Amino acid sequence: MHSFFIFVPIQGIAILVIQFKLPFRGWGMKKIIVTIDGWSSTGKSTLAKQLAKALGYIYVDSGAMYRAITLYFLRNHVDWTDKKEVKKALKDINIEFQNIPAKETSEIYLNGENVEYVIRDLVVAEKVSEIAAIKEVRELAVAQQKKMGEKKGIVMDGRDIGTVVFPKAELKIFMTADSSVRVERRFKELFEKNPNITIEEIKSNLEMRDYIDSHREISPLKKAKDSMLLDNTTLTEKQQFQKAMEWIEKKRSA
């Protein structure tokens, strides 16, 4: 069993990543960094959590960091078009990733509050790409993400992890799927929380996020040249997990 924690204070936001008593499979093999980038609703977080659990690695949902910041901005009526307001707000934000033993994964806390599920709301989803494109927000988050990977043994998913955060990662995965499949997956996820949501709203939101993510000036979403393409349009969660583990084992044994 392997227990450890990482505390990363940088400028305004403090990130605490905790992982307790997870079996470290392949002990003695070199630790690597696994990055997972891709379009919205392709299952990046699901795969990343599965891989981290199987390997005994730390899992970091970089998108959750931007969602938490977005939630804070919305709750506190921060004008994110005003750089002074943004910089001031960032100093008042504390983000932690805390281990939940019963779930064998970590969840995100914003200023002491568990917001793992609140940040998945469509209201946050509609603004997160816009706020994540802000230079000050992105620079701070990326700096912390880089710090987290210094000792390797980490799986991180997002939009620019393999291109900007860890350009030298041993394994980079880029996930994609047909847009219709992504819309259906997102609809099923949100419908349980909000039965009034419509397919049209989900489709519009994903199209908007795809455009903003891939066209923003800072760290746009794009496939790294050396990343492995994982199209899971017709794959099950088990199939994509097995494929990713095969890639990982090759990298760790190289």
Protein backbone atom coordinates (compact mmCIF):
# COMPACT_ATOMS: atom_id res chain seq x y z
CA MET A 1 0.00 0.00 0.00
CA HIS A 2 1.25 3.47 -0.86
CA SER A 3 0.28 6.63 1.07
CA PHE A 4 1.31 10.21 0.35
CA PHE A 5 0.13 13.78 -0.08
CA ILE A 6 1.21 16.85 -1.99
CA PHE A 7 0.56 20.44 -0.93
CA VAL A 8 1.21 23.08 -3.57
CA PRO A 9 0.86 26.75 -2.59
CA ILE A 10 1.43 29.16 -5.49
CA GLN A 11 0.39 32.80 -5.39
CA GLY A 12 -3.33 32.90 -4.62
CA ILE A 13 -4.77 29.41 -4.97
CA ALA A 14 -3.55 26.54 -2.79
CA ILE A 15 -3.93 23.07 -4.22
CA LEU A 16 -3.90 20.07 -1.91
CA VAL A 17 -3.75 16.66 -3.55
CA ILE A 18 -4.20 13.76 -1.16
CA GLN A 19 -4.03 10.06 -1.88
CA PHE A 20 -4.16 7.37 0.81
CA LYS A 21 -3.62 3.63 0.85
CA LEU A 22 -4.05 2.80 -2.80
CA PRO A 23 -2.31 -0.33 -4.11
CA PHE A 24 0.64 0.56 -6.29
CA ARG A 25 0.64 -2.01 -9.09
CA GLY A 26 3.93 -2.60 -10.78
CA TRP A 27 6.00 -1.42 -7.82
CA GLY A 28 9.58 -0.97 -8.91
CA MET A 29 8.65 0.11 -12.43
CA LYS A 30 9.38 3.70 -13.30
CA LYS A 31 6.67 6.26 -12.68
CA ILE A 32 5.44 8.22 -15.65
CA ILE A 33 3.14 11.13 -16.41
CA VAL A 34 -0.05 10.30 -18.31
CA THR A 35 -1.91 13.19 -19.93
CA ILE A 36 -5.42 12.94 -21.33
CA ASP A 37 -6.73 15.75 -23.51
CA GLY A 38 -9.72 15.91 -25.78
CA TRP A 39 -13.13 17.30 -26.58
CA SER A 40 -15.94 17.81 -24.06
CA SER A 41 -17.90 14.72 -23.01
CA THR A 42 -15.47 12.17 -24.42
CA GLY A 43 -15.02 10.54 -21.02
CA LYS A 44 -11.60 11.97 -20.15
CA SER A 45 -12.24 12.10 -16.40
CA THR A 46 -13.73 8.61 -16.33
CA LEU A 47 -10.69 7.09 -18.02
CA ALA A 48 -8.23 9.16 -16.00
CA LYS A 49 -9.78 8.04 -12.70
CA GLN A 50 -9.71 4.40 -13.77
CA LEU A 51 -6.06 4.60 -14.79
CA ALA A 52 -4.98 6.43 -11.64
CA LYS A 53 -6.75 3.86 -9.46
CA ALA A 54 -5.22 0.92 -11.32
CA LEU A 55 -1.71 2.38 -11.18
CA GLY A 56 -1.86 3.90 -7.71
CA TYR A 57 -1.14 7.29 -9.27
CA ILE A 58 -2.45 10.70 -8.30
CA TYR A 59 -5.44 11.82 -10.38
CA VAL A 60 -5.94 15.51 -11.07
CA ASP A 61 -8.97 16.83 -12.93
CA SER A 62 -7.60 20.08 -14.33
CA GLY A 63 -10.98 20.97 -15.75
CA ALA A 64 -12.44 20.87 -12.25
CA MET A 65 -10.00 23.60 -11.24
CA TYR A 66 -11.35 25.92 -13.93
CA ARG A 67 -14.92 24.94 -13.08
CA ALA A 68 -14.33 25.75 -9.40
CA ILE A 69 -12.90 29.15 -10.31
CA THR A 70 -15.87 29.74 -12.59
CA LEU A 71 -18.28 28.82 -9.79
CA TYR A 72 -16.56 31.30 -7.47
CA PHE A 73 -16.74 34.04 -10.09
CA LEU A 74 -20.45 33.41 -10.67
CA ARG A 75 -21.34 33.24 -6.98
CA ASN A 76 -19.42 36.42 -6.16
CA HIS A 77 -20.46 38.34 -9.27
CA VAL A 78 -16.87 38.83 -10.40
CA ASP A 79 -16.55 40.78 -13.63
CA TRP A 80 -14.06 38.54 -15.45
CA THR A 81 -13.58 41.13 -18.18
CA ASP A 82 -11.86 43.32 -15.55
CA LYS A 83 -8.27 42.16 -14.94
CA LYS A 84 -8.09 43.87 -11.55
CA GLU A 85 -11.21 42.07 -10.35
CA VAL A 86 -9.90 38.77 -11.65
CA LYS A 87 -6.54 39.12 -9.90
CA LYS A 88 -8.24 40.14 -6.66
CA ALA A 89 -10.69 37.23 -6.83
CA LEU A 90 -7.94 34.66 -7.47
CA LYS A 91 -6.29 35.63 -4.19
CA ASP A 92 -9.46 34.66 -2.31
CA ILE A 93 -9.77 31.22 -3.87
CA ASN A 94 -8.50 28.06 -2.21
CA ILE A 95 -8.84 24.79 -4.12
CA GLU A 96 -8.16 21.33 -2.73
CA PHE A 97 -8.36 17.84 -4.16
CA GLN A 98 -9.19 15.60 -1.19
CA ASN A 99 -9.25 11.83 -1.19
CA ILE A 100 -12.63 10.17 -0.58
CA PRO A 101 -11.73 6.68 0.72
CA ALA A 102 -15.21 5.22 0.19
CA LYS A 103 -15.10 6.22 -3.49
CA GLU A 104 -11.38 5.52 -3.96
CA THR A 105 -10.94 8.82 -5.76
CA SER A 106 -10.43 12.50 -5.04
CA GLU A 107 -13.01 15.28 -5.12
CA ILE A 108 -12.57 19.02 -5.38
CA TYR A 109 -13.16 21.52 -2.59
CA LEU A 110 -13.59 25.26 -3.05
CA ASN A 111 -12.75 27.26 0.07
CA GLY A 112 -13.57 24.26 2.24
CA GLU A 113 -16.78 23.25 0.43
CA ASN A 114 -17.09 20.07 -1.58
CA VAL A 115 -18.19 21.32 -5.00
CA GLU A 116 -17.51 18.15 -7.01
CA TYR A 117 -21.10 17.96 -8.22
CA VAL A 118 -22.06 21.64 -8.14
CA ILE A 119 -19.39 22.48 -10.72
CA ARG A 120 -20.93 19.99 -13.20
CA ASP A 121 -24.05 22.14 -13.52
CA LEU A 122 -24.89 23.52 -16.98
CA VAL A 123 -24.72 27.09 -15.65
CA VAL A 124 -21.03 26.57 -14.85
CA ALA A 125 -20.46 24.64 -18.08
CA GLU A 126 -21.77 27.57 -20.11
CA LYS A 127 -19.09 29.92 -18.70
CA VAL A 128 -16.10 27.74 -17.89
CA SER A 129 -14.50 27.84 -21.36
CA GLU A 130 -14.72 31.62 -21.38
CA ILE A 131 -13.15 31.98 -17.93
CA ALA A 132 -10.52 29.29 -18.59
CA ALA A 133 -9.34 31.37 -21.55
CA ILE A 134 -8.41 34.31 -19.29
CA LYS A 135 -4.64 34.71 -19.18
CA GLU A 136 -4.34 35.25 -15.42
CA VAL A 137 -6.57 32.30 -14.61
CA ARG A 138 -4.78 29.96 -16.99
CA GLU A 139 -1.26 30.96 -15.98
CA LEU A 140 -1.98 30.35 -12.31
CA ALA A 141 -3.65 26.98 -12.91
CA VAL A 142 -0.94 25.76 -15.31
CA ALA A 143 1.82 26.72 -12.86
CA GLN A 144 0.19 24.61 -10.16
CA GLN A 145 -0.44 21.70 -12.49
CA LYS A 146 3.23 21.65 -13.51
CA LYS A 147 4.23 21.60 -9.85
CA MET A 148 2.02 18.60 -9.18
CA GLY A 149 3.81 16.51 -11.80
CA GLU A 150 7.38 17.06 -10.59
CA LYS A 151 7.57 13.62 -8.95
CA LYS A 152 5.61 11.95 -11.75
CA GLY A 153 3.17 9.14 -10.97
CA ILE A 154 0.27 11.32 -12.04
CA VAL A 155 -2.69 11.14 -14.44
CA MET A 156 -4.12 14.50 -15.44
CA ASP A 157 -6.89 15.29 -17.89
CA GLY A 158 -7.89 18.54 -19.54
CA ARG A 159 -7.48 20.49 -22.75
CA ASP A 160 -3.81 21.49 -22.84
CA ILE A 161 -2.13 18.99 -20.52
CA GLY A 162 -0.07 17.23 -23.18
CA THR A 163 0.71 20.37 -25.16
CA VAL A 164 1.36 23.01 -22.48
CA VAL A 165 1.43 21.57 -18.96
CA PHE A 166 3.47 18.39 -19.60
CA PRO A 167 4.83 18.59 -23.17
CA LYS A 168 7.43 15.93 -22.27
CA ALA A 169 4.99 13.47 -20.68
CA GLU A 170 5.81 9.83 -21.36
CA LEU A 171 2.27 9.06 -22.54
CA LYS A 172 -0.17 11.50 -24.08
CA ILE A 173 -3.70 10.47 -24.99
CA PHE A 174 -6.09 12.56 -27.06
CA MET A 175 -9.74 11.52 -26.79
CA THR A 176 -12.45 12.10 -29.34
CA ALA A 177 -15.87 10.75 -30.33
CA ASP A 178 -18.65 11.60 -32.79
CA SER A 179 -20.47 14.77 -31.74
CA SER A 180 -23.86 13.02 -31.62
CA VAL A 181 -22.47 10.44 -29.21
CA ARG A 182 -20.96 13.13 -27.01
CA VAL A 183 -24.25 15.03 -26.88
CA GLU A 184 -26.15 11.89 -25.87
CA ARG A 185 -23.63 11.08 -23.13
CA ARG A 186 -23.79 14.58 -21.71
CA PHE A 187 -27.59 14.60 -21.86
CA LYS A 188 -27.83 11.35 -19.88
CA GLU A 189 -25.41 12.72 -17.29
CA LEU A 190 -27.28 16.00 -16.75
CA PHE A 191 -30.83 14.72 -17.15
CA GLU A 192 -30.58 12.86 -13.83
CA LYS A 193 -29.91 16.18 -12.10
CA ASN A 194 -32.17 18.35 -14.23
CA PRO A 195 -35.09 16.59 -16.01
CA ASN A 196 -35.99 19.87 -17.72
CA ILE A 197 -32.80 20.01 -19.75
CA THR A 198 -33.08 19.44 -23.49
CA ILE A 199 -30.90 17.81 -26.12
CA GLU A 200 -30.82 21.13 -27.98
CA GLU A 201 -29.35 22.92 -24.96
CA ILE A 202 -26.65 20.29 -24.57
CA LYS A 203 -25.78 20.35 -28.27
CA SER A 204 -25.52 24.14 -28.27
CA ASN A 205 -23.35 24.12 -25.13
CA LEU A 206 -20.93 21.52 -26.51
CA GLU A 207 -20.59 23.31 -29.84
CA MET A 208 -19.86 26.58 -28.04
CA ARG A 209 -17.29 24.98 -25.73
CA ASP A 210 -15.59 23.15 -28.60
CA TYR A 211 -15.23 26.39 -30.53
CA ILE A 212 -13.93 28.42 -27.58
CA ASP A 213 -11.55 25.68 -26.42
CA SER A 214 -10.01 25.22 -29.87
CA HIS A 215 -9.89 28.90 -30.85
CA ARG A 216 -8.74 30.64 -27.68
CA GLU A 217 -5.47 32.56 -27.90
CA ILE A 218 -3.90 30.95 -24.83
CA SER A 219 -3.37 27.16 -24.73
CA PRO A 220 -5.97 26.16 -27.33
CA LEU A 221 -7.22 22.58 -27.46
CA LYS A 222 -5.24 20.61 -30.04
CA LYS A 223 -3.78 17.16 -30.43
CA ALA A 224 -0.09 16.94 -29.59
CA LYS A 225 1.93 15.45 -32.44
CA ASP A 226 3.16 12.60 -30.26
CA SER A 227 -0.17 11.78 -28.58
CA MET A 228 -2.11 8.56 -29.04
CA LEU A 229 -5.55 9.09 -30.58
CA LEU A 230 -8.35 7.34 -28.71
CA ASP A 231 -11.67 7.48 -30.56
CA ASN A 232 -14.20 5.89 -28.22
CA THR A 233 -17.32 6.40 -30.35
CA THR A 234 -17.91 2.65 -30.41
CA LEU A 235 -15.79 1.55 -27.45
CA THR A 236 -17.01 0.52 -24.02
CA GLU A 237 -15.36 1.94 -20.88
CA LYS A 238 -13.63 -1.42 -20.38
CA GLN A 239 -12.28 -1.49 -23.94
CA GLN A 240 -10.85 2.02 -23.80
CA PHE A 241 -9.33 1.31 -20.38
CA GLN A 242 -7.61 -1.83 -21.69
CA LYS A 243 -6.25 0.03 -24.70
CA ALA A 244 -4.87 2.84 -22.53
CA MET A 245 -3.30 0.37 -20.08
CA GLU A 246 -1.52 -1.38 -22.96
CA TRP A 247 0.02 1.96 -23.97
CA ILE A 248 1.02 2.68 -20.36
CA GLU A 249 2.67 -0.70 -19.82
CA LYS A 250 4.75 -0.22 -22.95
CA LYS A 251 5.93 3.17 -21.73
CA ARG A 252 6.68 1.99 -18.19
CA SER A 253 8.65 -1.04 -19.34
CA ALA A 254 10.59 0.82 -22.04
